[in-house]
Amino acid sequence: NGITSWIKGWKRNGWITKTKQEVLNRDLWEKLDELASAREV
């Protein structure tokens, strides 16, 4: 859910959730997004 859906909103909103909290594990989500974007997953 995070990599296919939620992350789009997180990036659009500056890594802030709908409840105005900082996204947990942002460092790992950014790394996963970087790797996934360079591959067809």
PDB file of all heavy atoms in Angstrom:
ATOM      1  N   ASN A   1       0.822  -1.210   0.000  1.00  0.00           N
ATOM      2  CA  ASN A   1       0.000   0.000   0.000  1.00  0.00           C
ATOM      3  C   ASN A   1       0.855   1.258   0.000  1.00  0.00           C
ATOM      4  O   ASN A   1       0.563   2.238  -0.694  1.00  0.00           O
ATOM      5  CB  ASN A   1      -0.926   0.012   1.217  1.00  0.00           C
ATOM      6  CG  ASN A   1      -2.025  -1.018   1.133  1.00  0.00           C
ATOM      7  OD1 ASN A   1      -2.416  -1.435   0.052  1.00  0.00           O
ATOM      8  ND2 ASN A   1      -2.536  -1.460   2.270  1.00  0.00           N
ATOM      9  N   GLY A   2       1.932   1.216   0.783  1.00  0.00           N
ATOM     10  CA  GLY A   2       2.793   2.389   0.875  1.00  0.00           C
ATOM     11  C   GLY A   2       3.458   2.739  -0.441  1.00  0.00           C
ATOM     12  O   GLY A   2       3.423   3.894  -0.875  1.00  0.00           O
ATOM     13  N   ILE A   3       4.066   1.754  -1.103  1.00  0.00           N
ATOM     14  CA  ILE A   3       4.858   2.037  -2.303  1.00  0.00           C
ATOM     15  C   ILE A   3       3.996   2.238  -3.547  1.00  0.00           C
ATOM     16  O   ILE A   3       4.389   2.926  -4.479  1.00  0.00           O
ATOM     17  CB  ILE A   3       5.907   0.923  -2.556  1.00  0.00           C
ATOM     18  CG1 ILE A   3       7.017   1.414  -3.492  1.00  0.00           C
ATOM     19  CG2 ILE A   3       5.256  -0.349  -3.068  1.00  0.00           C
ATOM     20  CD1 ILE A   3       7.855   2.542  -2.964  1.00  0.00           C
ATOM     21  N   THR A   4       2.794   1.652  -3.568  1.00  0.00           N
ATOM     22  CA  THR A   4       1.951   1.783  -4.765  1.00  0.00           C
ATOM     23  C   THR A   4       0.899   2.877  -4.643  1.00  0.00           C
ATOM     24  O   THR A   4       0.329   3.294  -5.641  1.00  0.00           O
ATOM     25  CB  THR A   4       1.229   0.461  -5.086  1.00  0.00           C
ATOM     26  OG1 THR A   4       0.345   0.126  -4.008  1.00  0.00           O
ATOM     27  CG2 THR A   4       2.219  -0.666  -5.307  1.00  0.00           C
ATOM     28  N   SER A   5       0.626   3.336  -3.427  1.00  0.00           N
ATOM     29  CA  SER A   5      -0.464   4.304  -3.253  1.00  0.00           C
ATOM     30  C   SER A   5      -0.104   5.466  -2.332  1.00  0.00           C
ATOM     31  O   SER A   5      -0.026   6.613  -2.753  1.00  0.00           O
ATOM     32  CB  SER A   5      -1.702   3.577  -2.714  1.00  0.00           C
ATOM     33  OG  SER A   5      -2.757   4.478  -2.482  1.00  0.00           O
ATOM     34  N   TRP A   6       0.148   5.181  -1.058  1.00  0.00           N
ATOM     35  CA  TRP A   6       0.336   6.245  -0.073  1.00  0.00           C
ATOM     36  C   TRP A   6       1.479   7.183  -0.414  1.00  0.00           C
ATOM     37  O   TRP A   6       1.403   8.385  -0.167  1.00  0.00           O
ATOM     38  CB  TRP A   6       0.584   5.645   1.305  1.00  0.00           C
ATOM     39  CG  TRP A   6      -0.481   4.735   1.804  1.00  0.00           C
ATOM     40  CD1 TRP A   6      -1.783   4.678   1.383  1.00  0.00           C
ATOM     41  CD2 TRP A   6      -0.343   3.726   2.802  1.00  0.00           C
ATOM     42  NE1 TRP A   6      -2.469   3.704   2.069  1.00  0.00           N
ATOM     43  CE2 TRP A   6      -1.617   3.103   2.951  1.00  0.00           C
ATOM     44  CE3 TRP A   6       0.713   3.290   3.611  1.00  0.00           C
ATOM     45  CZ2 TRP A   6      -1.834   2.067   3.860  1.00  0.00           C
ATOM     46  CZ3 TRP A   6       0.496   2.271   4.517  1.00  0.00           C
ATOM     47  CH2 TRP A   6      -0.768   1.668   4.631  1.00  0.00           C
ATOM     48  N   ILE A   7       2.573   6.640  -0.976  1.00  0.00           N
ATOM     49  CA  ILE A   7       3.779   7.440  -1.193  1.00  0.00           C
ATOM     50  C   ILE A   7       3.536   8.610  -2.144  1.00  0.00           C
ATOM     51  O   ILE A   7       4.186   9.653  -2.043  1.00  0.00           O
ATOM     52  CB  ILE A   7       4.943   6.549  -1.703  1.00  0.00           C
ATOM     53  CG1 ILE A   7       6.280   7.260  -1.480  1.00  0.00           C
ATOM     54  CG2 ILE A   7       4.743   6.133  -3.161  1.00  0.00           C
ATOM     55  CD1 ILE A   7       7.486   6.351  -1.666  1.00  0.00           C
ATOM     56  N   LYS A   8       2.580   8.455  -3.042  1.00  0.00           N
ATOM     57  CA  LYS A   8       2.285   9.559  -3.976  1.00  0.00           C
ATOM     58  C   LYS A   8       1.810  10.789  -3.216  1.00  0.00           C
ATOM     59  O   LYS A   8       2.249  11.906  -3.471  1.00  0.00           O
ATOM     60  CB  LYS A   8       1.229   9.103  -4.994  1.00  0.00           C
ATOM     61  CG  LYS A   8       1.688   7.942  -5.862  1.00  0.00           C
ATOM     62  CD  LYS A   8       0.532   7.361  -6.665  1.00  0.00           C
ATOM     63  CE  LYS A   8       0.958   6.089  -7.394  1.00  0.00           C
ATOM     64  NZ  LYS A   8      -0.183   5.415  -8.057  1.00  0.00           N
ATOM     65  N   GLY A   9       0.900  10.573  -2.273  1.00  0.00           N
ATOM     66  CA  GLY A   9       0.407  11.683  -1.466  1.00  0.00           C
ATOM     67  C   GLY A   9       1.466  12.221  -0.526  1.00  0.00           C
ATOM     68  O   GLY A   9       1.559  13.432  -0.304  1.00  0.00           O
ATOM     69  N   TRP A  10       2.273  11.324   0.042  1.00  0.00           N
ATOM     70  CA  TRP A  10       3.336  11.762   0.949  1.00  0.00           C
ATOM     71  C   TRP A  10       4.294  12.709   0.243  1.00  0.00           C
ATOM     72  O   TRP A  10       4.648  13.761   0.782  1.00  0.00           O
ATOM     73  CB  TRP A  10       4.121  10.556   1.468  1.00  0.00           C
ATOM     74  CG  TRP A  10       3.360   9.651   2.380  1.00  0.00           C
ATOM     75  CD1 TRP A  10       2.231   9.957   3.101  1.00  0.00           C
ATOM     76  CD2 TRP A  10       3.674   8.284   2.691  1.00  0.00           C
ATOM     77  NE1 TRP A  10       1.829   8.869   3.832  1.00  0.00           N
ATOM     78  CE2 TRP A  10       2.684   7.829   3.603  1.00  0.00           C
ATOM     79  CE3 TRP A  10       4.675   7.411   2.295  1.00  0.00           C
ATOM     80  CZ2 TRP A  10       2.691   6.530   4.120  1.00  0.00           C
ATOM     81  CZ3 TRP A  10       4.689   6.125   2.797  1.00  0.00           C
ATOM     82  CH2 TRP A  10       3.706   5.692   3.697  1.00  0.00           C
ATOM     83  N   LYS A  11       4.727  12.343  -0.953  1.00  0.00           N
ATOM     84  CA  LYS A  11       5.679  13.183  -1.675  1.00  0.00           C
ATOM     85  C   LYS A  11       5.035  14.504  -2.079  1.00  0.00           C
ATOM     86  O   LYS A  11       5.655  15.565  -2.001  1.00  0.00           O
ATOM     87  CB  LYS A  11       6.218  12.437  -2.905  1.00  0.00           C
ATOM     88  CG  LYS A  11       7.114  11.266  -2.534  1.00  0.00           C
ATOM     89  CD  LYS A  11       7.935  10.772  -3.709  1.00  0.00           C
ATOM     90  CE  LYS A  11       7.105  10.082  -4.757  1.00  0.00           C
ATOM     91  NZ  LYS A  11       7.947   9.503  -5.832  1.00  0.00           N
ATOM     92  N   ARG A  12       3.784  14.422  -2.503  1.00  0.00           N
ATOM     93  CA  ARG A  12       3.056  15.631  -2.909  1.00  0.00           C
ATOM     94  C   ARG A  12       2.896  16.605  -1.740  1.00  0.00           C
ATOM     95  O   ARG A  12       2.932  17.826  -1.924  1.00  0.00           O
ATOM     96  CB  ARG A  12       1.695  15.229  -3.471  1.00  0.00           C
ATOM     97  CG  ARG A  12       0.924  16.359  -4.127  1.00  0.00           C
ATOM     98  CD  ARG A  12      -0.280  15.841  -4.900  1.00  0.00           C
ATOM     99  NE  ARG A  12      -1.174  15.040  -4.074  1.00  0.00           N
ATOM    100  CZ  ARG A  12      -1.394  13.740  -4.235  1.00  0.00           C
ATOM    101  NH1 ARG A  12      -0.757  13.081  -5.193  1.00  0.00           N
ATOM    102  NH2 ARG A  12      -2.226  13.072  -3.453  1.00  0.00           N
ATOM    103  N   ASN A  13       2.743  16.053  -0.534  1.00  0.00           N
ATOM    104  CA  ASN A  13       2.498  16.884   0.653  1.00  0.00           C
ATOM    105  C   ASN A  13       3.740  17.110   1.506  1.00  0.00           C
ATOM    106  O   ASN A  13       3.630  17.481   2.677  1.00  0.00           O
ATOM    107  CB  ASN A  13       1.408  16.237   1.516  1.00  0.00           C
ATOM    108  CG  ASN A  13       0.082  16.144   0.794  1.00  0.00           C
ATOM    109  OD1 ASN A  13      -0.278  17.030   0.024  1.00  0.00           O
ATOM    110  ND2 ASN A  13      -0.651  15.065   1.031  1.00  0.00           N
ATOM    111  N   GLY A  14       4.926  16.896   0.903  1.00  0.00           N
ATOM    112  CA  GLY A  14       6.158  17.146   1.647  1.00  0.00           C
ATOM    113  C   GLY A  14       6.400  16.160   2.774  1.00  0.00           C
ATOM    114  O   GLY A  14       6.927  16.514   3.823  1.00  0.00           O
ATOM    115  N   TRP A  15       6.000  14.904   2.559  1.00  0.00           N
ATOM    116  CA  TRP A  15       6.183  13.821   3.527  1.00  0.00           C
ATOM    117  C   TRP A  15       5.422  14.081   4.825  1.00  0.00           C
ATOM    118  O   TRP A  15       5.894  13.788   5.916  1.00  0.00           O
ATOM    119  CB  TRP A  15       7.669  13.536   3.782  1.00  0.00           C
ATOM    120  CG  TRP A  15       8.316  12.954   2.570  1.00  0.00           C
ATOM    121  CD1 TRP A  15       8.960  13.630   1.577  1.00  0.00           C
ATOM    122  CD2 TRP A  15       8.320  11.565   2.178  1.00  0.00           C
ATOM    123  NE1 TRP A  15       9.380  12.768   0.596  1.00  0.00           N
ATOM    124  CE2 TRP A  15       9.013  11.494   0.942  1.00  0.00           C
ATOM    125  CE3 TRP A  15       7.831  10.394   2.763  1.00  0.00           C
ATOM    126  CZ2 TRP A  15       9.207  10.289   0.276  1.00  0.00           C
ATOM    127  CZ3 TRP A  15       8.032   9.191   2.099  1.00  0.00           C
ATOM    128  CH2 TRP A  15       8.712   9.147   0.867  1.00  0.00           C
ATOM    129  N   ILE A  16       4.223  14.634   4.660  1.00  0.00           N
ATOM    130  CA  ILE A  16       3.303  14.835   5.767  1.00  0.00           C
ATOM    131  C   ILE A  16       2.043  14.024   5.479  1.00  0.00           C
ATOM    132  O   ILE A  16       1.527  14.051   4.363  1.00  0.00           O
ATOM    133  CB  ILE A  16       2.941  16.325   5.941  1.00  0.00           C
ATOM    134  CG1 ILE A  16       4.210  17.138   6.251  1.00  0.00           C
ATOM    135  CG2 ILE A  16       1.906  16.510   7.051  1.00  0.00           C
ATOM    136  CD1 ILE A  16       4.895  16.787   7.553  1.00  0.00           C
ATOM    137  N   THR A  17       1.542  13.310   6.475  1.00  0.00           N
ATOM    138  CA  THR A  17       0.351  12.482   6.286  1.00  0.00           C
ATOM    139  C   THR A  17      -0.910  13.334   6.284  1.00  0.00           C
ATOM    140  O   THR A  17      -0.879  14.536   6.565  1.00  0.00           O
ATOM    141  CB  THR A  17       0.224  11.434   7.405  1.00  0.00           C
ATOM    142  OG1 THR A  17      -0.082  12.107   8.633  1.00  0.00           O
ATOM    143  CG2 THR A  17       1.518  10.647   7.573  1.00  0.00           C
ATOM    144  N   LYS A  18      -2.036  12.689   5.995  1.00  0.00           N
ATOM    145  CA  LYS A  18      -3.322  13.386   5.994  1.00  0.00           C
ATOM    146  C   LYS A  18      -3.665  13.948   7.365  1.00  0.00           C
ATOM    147  O   LYS A  18      -4.435  14.901   7.480  1.00  0.00           O
ATOM    148  CB  LYS A  18      -4.439  12.436   5.538  1.00  0.00           C
ATOM    149  CG  LYS A  18      -4.330  12.023   4.078  1.00  0.00           C
ATOM    150  CD  LYS A  18      -5.405  11.015   3.725  1.00  0.00           C
ATOM    151  CE  LYS A  18      -5.275  10.545   2.288  1.00  0.00           C
ATOM    152  NZ  LYS A  18      -6.260   9.480   1.953  1.00  0.00           N
ATOM    153  N   THR A  19      -3.107  13.339   8.404  1.00  0.00           N
ATOM    154  CA  THR A  19      -3.376  13.813   9.764  1.00  0.00           C
ATOM    155  C   THR A  19      -2.302  14.795  10.245  1.00  0.00           C
ATOM    156  O   THR A  19      -2.163  15.044  11.437  1.00  0.00           O
ATOM    157  CB  THR A  19      -3.471  12.632  10.742  1.00  0.00           C
ATOM    158  OG1 THR A  19      -2.279  11.843  10.656  1.00  0.00           O
ATOM    159  CG2 THR A  19      -4.674  11.757  10.408  1.00  0.00           C
ATOM    160  N   LYS A  20      -1.523  15.322   9.262  1.00  0.00           N
ATOM    161  CA  LYS A  20      -0.524  16.365   9.536  1.00  0.00           C
ATOM    162  C   LYS A  20       0.640  15.884  10.412  1.00  0.00           C
ATOM    163  O   LYS A  20       1.244  16.654  11.153  1.00  0.00           O
ATOM    164  CB  LYS A  20      -1.173  17.595  10.204  1.00  0.00           C
ATOM    165  CG  LYS A  20      -2.400  18.130   9.469  1.00  0.00           C
ATOM    166  CD  LYS A  20      -2.099  18.494   8.028  1.00  0.00           C
ATOM    167  CE  LYS A  20      -3.347  19.000   7.300  1.00  0.00           C
ATOM    168  NZ  LYS A  20      -3.100  19.187   5.851  1.00  0.00           N
ATOM    169  N   GLN A  21       0.952  14.594  10.306  1.00  0.00           N
ATOM    170  CA  GLN A  21       2.092  14.025  11.012  1.00  0.00           C
ATOM    171  C   GLN A  21       3.200  13.714  10.003  1.00  0.00           C
ATOM    172  O   GLN A  21       2.947  13.474   8.832  1.00  0.00           O
ATOM    173  CB  GLN A  21       1.688  12.727  11.721  1.00  0.00           C
ATOM    174  CG  GLN A  21       0.521  12.863  12.681  1.00  0.00           C
ATOM    175  CD  GLN A  21       0.844  13.710  13.884  1.00  0.00           C
ATOM    176  OE1 GLN A  21       1.922  13.590  14.459  1.00  0.00           O
ATOM    177  NE2 GLN A  21      -0.070  14.581  14.266  1.00  0.00           N
ATOM    178  N   GLU A  22       4.454  13.742  10.486  1.00  0.00           N
ATOM    179  CA  GLU A  22       5.558  13.349   9.622  1.00  0.00           C
ATOM    180  C   GLU A  22       5.463  11.850   9.327  1.00  0.00           C
ATOM    181  O   GLU A  22       5.130  11.065  10.213  1.00  0.00           O
ATOM    182  CB  GLU A  22       6.901  13.661  10.290  1.00  0.00           C
ATOM    183  CG  GLU A  22       7.192  15.152  10.405  1.00  0.00           C
ATOM    184  CD  GLU A  22       8.601  15.416  10.936  1.00  0.00           C
ATOM    185  OE1 GLU A  22       9.366  14.442  11.096  1.00  0.00           O
ATOM    186  OE2 GLU A  22       8.910  16.581  11.183  1.00  0.00           O
ATOM    187  N   VAL A  23       5.737  11.476   8.094  1.00  0.00           N
ATOM    188  CA  VAL A  23       5.689  10.072   7.697  1.00  0.00           C
ATOM    189  C   VAL A  23       6.779   9.294   8.430  1.00  0.00           C
ATOM    190  O   VAL A  23       7.956   9.684   8.417  1.00  0.00           O
ATOM    191  CB  VAL A  23       5.865   9.915   6.174  1.00  0.00           C
ATOM    192  CG1 VAL A  23       5.989   8.443   5.784  1.00  0.00           C
ATOM    193  CG2 VAL A  23       4.713  10.567   5.430  1.00  0.00           C
ATOM    194  N   LEU A  24       6.369   8.214   9.086  1.00  0.00           N
ATOM    195  CA  LEU A  24       7.341   7.371   9.774  1.00  0.00           C
ATOM    196  C   LEU A  24       8.196   6.604   8.757  1.00  0.00           C
ATOM    197  O   LEU A  24       7.721   6.225   7.692  1.00  0.00           O
ATOM    198  CB  LEU A  24       6.623   6.373  10.681  1.00  0.00           C
ATOM    199  CG  LEU A  24       5.840   6.958  11.859  1.00  0.00           C
ATOM    200  CD1 LEU A  24       5.114   5.837  12.605  1.00  0.00           C
ATOM    201  CD2 LEU A  24       6.755   7.719  12.805  1.00  0.00           C
ATOM    202  N   ASN A  25       9.446   6.397   9.081  1.00  0.00           N
ATOM    203  CA  ASN A  25      10.378   5.618   8.247  1.00  0.00           C
ATOM    204  C   ASN A  25      10.618   6.271   6.885  1.00  0.00           C
ATOM    205  O   ASN A  25      10.856   5.579   5.888  1.00  0.00           O
ATOM    206  CB  ASN A  25       9.872   4.181   8.064  1.00  0.00           C
ATOM    207  CG  ASN A  25       9.575   3.508   9.383  1.00  0.00           C
ATOM    208  OD1 ASN A  25      10.368   3.582  10.312  1.00  0.00           O
ATOM    209  ND2 ASN A  25       8.412   2.860   9.480  1.00  0.00           N
ATOM    210  N   ARG A  26      10.569   7.600   6.858  1.00  0.00           N
ATOM    211  CA  ARG A  26      10.749   8.317   5.583  1.00  0.00           C
ATOM    212  C   ARG A  26      12.049   7.922   4.892  1.00  0.00           C
ATOM    213  O   ARG A  26      12.085   7.764   3.669  1.00  0.00           O
ATOM    214  CB  ARG A  26      10.717   9.825   5.832  1.00  0.00           C
ATOM    215  CG  ARG A  26      11.050  10.637   4.589  1.00  0.00           C
ATOM    216  CD  ARG A  26      11.006  12.130   4.829  1.00  0.00           C
ATOM    217  NE  ARG A  26      11.494  12.870   3.678  1.00  0.00           N
ATOM    218  CZ  ARG A  26      11.514  14.202   3.606  1.00  0.00           C
ATOM    219  NH1 ARG A  26      11.064  14.929   4.622  1.00  0.00           N
ATOM    220  NH2 ARG A  26      11.978  14.800   2.526  1.00  0.00           N
ATOM    221  N   ASP A  27      13.147   7.766   5.665  1.00  0.00           N
ATOM    222  CA  ASP A  27      14.439   7.433   5.068  1.00  0.00           C
ATOM    223  C   ASP A  27      14.373   6.139   4.265  1.00  0.00           C
ATOM    224  O   ASP A  27      14.904   6.053   3.138  1.00  0.00           O
ATOM    225  CB  ASP A  27      15.519   7.345   6.144  1.00  0.00           C
ATOM    226  CG  ASP A  27      15.189   6.330   7.246  1.00  0.00           C
ATOM    227  OD1 ASP A  27      13.993   6.133   7.548  1.00  0.00           O
ATOM    228  OD2 ASP A  27      16.143   5.730   7.794  1.00  0.00           O
ATOM    229  N   LEU A  28      13.669   5.153   4.824  1.00  0.00           N
ATOM    230  CA  LEU A  28      13.567   3.868   4.130  1.00  0.00           C
ATOM    231  C   LEU A  28      12.592   3.926   2.968  1.00  0.00           C
ATOM    232  O   LEU A  28      12.824   3.314   1.920  1.00  0.00           O
ATOM    233  CB  LEU A  28      13.155   2.775   5.114  1.00  0.00           C
ATOM    234  CG  LEU A  28      14.145   2.517   6.261  1.00  0.00           C
ATOM    235  CD1 LEU A  28      13.639   1.396   7.156  1.00  0.00           C
ATOM    236  CD2 LEU A  28      15.527   2.164   5.722  1.00  0.00           C
ATOM    237  N   TRP A  29      11.500   4.668   3.122  1.00  0.00           N
ATOM    238  CA  TRP A  29      10.553   4.821   2.013  1.00  0.00           C
ATOM    239  C   TRP A  29      11.224   5.506   0.826  1.00  0.00           C
ATOM    240  O   TRP A  29      11.001   5.123  -0.335  1.00  0.00           O
ATOM    241  CB  TRP A  29       9.330   5.625   2.448  1.00  0.00           C
ATOM    242  CG  TRP A  29       8.328   4.851   3.229  1.00  0.00           C
ATOM    243  CD1 TRP A  29       7.941   5.054   4.522  1.00  0.00           C
ATOM    244  CD2 TRP A  29       7.552   3.728   2.772  1.00  0.00           C
ATOM    245  NE1 TRP A  29       6.990   4.135   4.904  1.00  0.00           N
ATOM    246  CE2 TRP A  29       6.732   3.312   3.851  1.00  0.00           C
ATOM    247  CE3 TRP A  29       7.480   3.036   1.569  1.00  0.00           C
ATOM    248  CZ2 TRP A  29       5.846   2.248   3.752  1.00  0.00           C
ATOM    249  CZ3 TRP A  29       6.608   1.959   1.475  1.00  0.00           C
ATOM    250  CH2 TRP A  29       5.800   1.575   2.549  1.00  0.00           C
ATOM    251  N   GLU A  30      12.054   6.509   1.090  1.00  0.00           N
ATOM    252  CA  GLU A  30      12.738   7.212   0.000  1.00  0.00           C
ATOM    253  C   GLU A  30      13.720   6.286  -0.711  1.00  0.00           C
ATOM    254  O   GLU A  30      13.834   6.321  -1.946  1.00  0.00           O
ATOM    255  CB  GLU A  30      13.458   8.450   0.541  1.00  0.00           C
ATOM    256  CG  GLU A  30      12.517   9.573   0.927  1.00  0.00           C
ATOM    257  CD  GLU A  30      13.229  10.834   1.367  1.00  0.00           C
ATOM    258  OE1 GLU A  30      14.194  10.736   2.150  1.00  0.00           O
ATOM    259  OE2 GLU A  30      12.811  11.923   0.946  1.00  0.00           O
ATOM    260  N   LYS A  31      14.422   5.452   0.057  1.00  0.00           N
ATOM    261  CA  LYS A  31      15.362   4.510  -0.554  1.00  0.00           C
ATOM    262  C   LYS A  31      14.616   3.463  -1.377  1.00  0.00           C
ATOM    263  O   LYS A  31      15.026   3.141  -2.503  1.00  0.00           O
ATOM    264  CB  LYS A  31      16.185   3.821   0.542  1.00  0.00           C
ATOM    265  CG  LYS A  31      17.218   2.829   0.023  1.00  0.00           C
ATOM    266  CD  LYS A  31      18.251   3.517  -0.864  1.00  0.00           C
ATOM    267  CE  LYS A  31      19.321   2.544  -1.338  1.00  0.00           C
ATOM    268  NZ  LYS A  31      20.286   3.198  -2.266  1.00  0.00           N
ATOM    269  N   LEU A  32      13.517   2.950  -0.844  1.00  0.00           N
ATOM    270  CA  LEU A  32      12.732   1.959  -1.574  1.00  0.00           C
ATOM    271  C   LEU A  32      12.164   2.559  -2.854  1.00  0.00           C
ATOM    272  O   LEU A  32      12.182   1.923  -3.911  1.00  0.00           O
ATOM    273  CB  LEU A  32      11.597   1.435  -0.691  1.00  0.00           C
ATOM    274  CG  LEU A  32      10.733   0.326  -1.295  1.00  0.00           C
ATOM    275  CD1 LEU A  32      11.567  -0.912  -1.608  1.00  0.00           C
ATOM    276  CD2 LEU A  32       9.591  -0.039  -0.345  1.00  0.00           C
ATOM    277  N   ASP A  33      11.690   3.788  -2.778  1.00  0.00           N
ATOM    278  CA  ASP A  33      11.134   4.473  -3.945  1.00  0.00           C
ATOM    279  C   ASP A  33      12.211   4.669  -5.015  1.00  0.00           C
ATOM    280  O   ASP A  33      11.964   4.471  -6.213  1.00  0.00           O
ATOM    281  CB  ASP A  33      10.556   5.817  -3.506  1.00  0.00           C
ATOM    282  CG  ASP A  33       9.863   6.548  -4.642  1.00  0.00           C
ATOM    283  OD1 ASP A  33       9.095   5.914  -5.404  1.00  0.00           O
ATOM    284  OD2 ASP A  33      10.079   7.770  -4.783  1.00  0.00           O
ATOM    285  N   GLU A  34      13.400   5.033  -4.579  1.00  0.00           N
ATOM    286  CA  GLU A  34      14.519   5.226  -5.510  1.00  0.00           C
ATOM    287  C   GLU A  34      14.843   3.930  -6.248  1.00  0.00           C
ATOM    288  O   GLU A  34      15.015   3.917  -7.476  1.00  0.00           O
ATOM    289  CB  GLU A  34      15.744   5.706  -4.731  1.00  0.00           C
ATOM    290  CG  GLU A  34      17.002   5.855  -5.572  1.00  0.00           C
ATOM    291  CD  GLU A  34      18.238   6.105  -4.711  1.00  0.00           C
ATOM    292  OE1 GLU A  34      18.098   6.546  -3.553  1.00  0.00           O
ATOM    293  OE2 GLU A  34      19.351   5.836  -5.199  1.00  0.00           O
ATOM    294  N   LEU A  35      14.913   2.840  -5.510  1.00  0.00           N
ATOM    295  CA  LEU A  35      15.237   1.541  -6.114  1.00  0.00           C
ATOM    296  C   LEU A  35      14.117   1.066  -7.041  1.00  0.00           C
ATOM    297  O   LEU A  35      14.375   0.576  -8.147  1.00  0.00           O
ATOM    298  CB  LEU A  35      15.471   0.503  -5.020  1.00  0.00           C
ATOM    299  CG  LEU A  35      16.749   0.658  -4.192  1.00  0.00           C
ATOM    300  CD1 LEU A  35      16.676  -0.194  -2.935  1.00  0.00           C
ATOM    301  CD2 LEU A  35      17.975   0.287  -5.021  1.00  0.00           C
ATOM    302  N   ALA A  36      12.871   1.203  -6.595  1.00  0.00           N
ATOM    303  CA  ALA A  36      11.735   0.744  -7.394  1.00  0.00           C
ATOM    304  C   ALA A  36      11.592   1.552  -8.674  1.00  0.00           C
ATOM    305  O   ALA A  36      11.224   1.016  -9.726  1.00  0.00           O
ATOM    306  CB  ALA A  36      10.447   0.829  -6.568  1.00  0.00           C
ATOM    307  N   SER A  37      11.905   2.841  -8.601  1.00  0.00           N
ATOM    308  CA  SER A  37      11.780   3.710  -9.777  1.00  0.00           C
ATOM    309  C   SER A  37      12.786   3.355 -10.861  1.00  0.00           C
ATOM    310  O   SER A  37      12.586   3.678 -12.037  1.00  0.00           O
ATOM    311  CB  SER A  37      11.966   5.184  -9.370  1.00  0.00           C
ATOM    312  OG  SER A  37      10.950   5.578  -8.470  1.00  0.00           O
ATOM    313  N   ALA A  38      13.881   2.703 -10.479  1.00  0.00           N
ATOM    314  CA  ALA A  38      14.926   2.330 -11.443  1.00  0.00           C
ATOM    315  C   ALA A  38      14.721   0.917 -11.981  1.00  0.00           C
ATOM    316  O   ALA A  38      15.565   0.391 -12.703  1.00  0.00           O
ATOM    317  CB  ALA A  38      16.301   2.434 -10.787  1.00  0.00           C
ATOM    318  N   ARG A  39      13.593   0.296 -11.621  1.00  0.00           N
ATOM    319  CA  ARG A  39      13.295  -1.056 -12.062  1.00  0.00           C
ATOM    320  C   ARG A  39      11.817  -1.156 -12.430  1.00  0.00           C
ATOM    321  O   ARG A  39      11.024  -0.298 -12.055  1.00  0.00           O
ATOM    322  CB  ARG A  39      13.608  -2.069 -10.941  1.00  0.00           C
ATOM    323  CG  ARG A  39      15.084  -2.176 -10.624  1.00  0.00           C
ATOM    324  CD  ARG A  39      15.339  -2.665  -9.222  1.00  0.00           C
ATOM    325  NE  ARG A  39      16.767  -2.775  -8.944  1.00  0.00           N
ATOM    326  CZ  ARG A  39      17.554  -1.724  -8.665  1.00  0.00           C
ATOM    327  NH1 ARG A  39      17.051  -0.502  -8.635  1.00  0.00           N
ATOM    328  NH2 ARG A  39      18.849  -1.905  -8.435  1.00  0.00           N
ATOM    329  N   GLU A  40      11.454  -2.204 -13.120  1.00  0.00           N
ATOM    330  CA  GLU A  40      10.031  -2.475 -13.382  1.00  0.00           C
ATOM    331  C   GLU A  40       9.590  -3.503 -12.353  1.00  0.00           C
ATOM    332  O   GLU A  40       9.884  -4.694 -12.481  1.00  0.00           O
ATOM    333  CB  GLU A  40       9.839  -3.006 -14.806  1.00  0.00           C
ATOM    334  CG  GLU A  40       8.385  -3.191 -15.164  1.00  0.00           C
ATOM    335  CD  GLU A  40       8.197  -3.686 -16.596  1.00  0.00           C
ATOM    336  OE1 GLU A  40       9.117  -3.484 -17.414  1.00  0.00           O
ATOM    337  OE2 GLU A  40       7.138  -4.287 -16.870  1.00  0.00           O
ATOM    338  N   VAL A  41       8.925  -3.031 -11.298  1.00  0.00           N
ATOM    339  CA  VAL A  41       8.597  -3.908 -10.168  1.00  0.00           C
ATOM    340  C   VAL A  41       7.113  -4.229 -10.143  1.00  0.00           C
ATOM    341  O   VAL A  41       6.266  -3.340 -10.219  1.00  0.00           O
ATOM    342  CB  VAL A  41       8.992  -3.254  -8.829  1.00  0.00           C
ATOM    343  CG1 VAL A  41       8.722  -4.235  -7.671  1.00  0.00           C
ATOM    344  CG2 VAL A  41      10.455  -2.832  -8.834  1.00  0.00           C
TER     345      VAL A  41
END
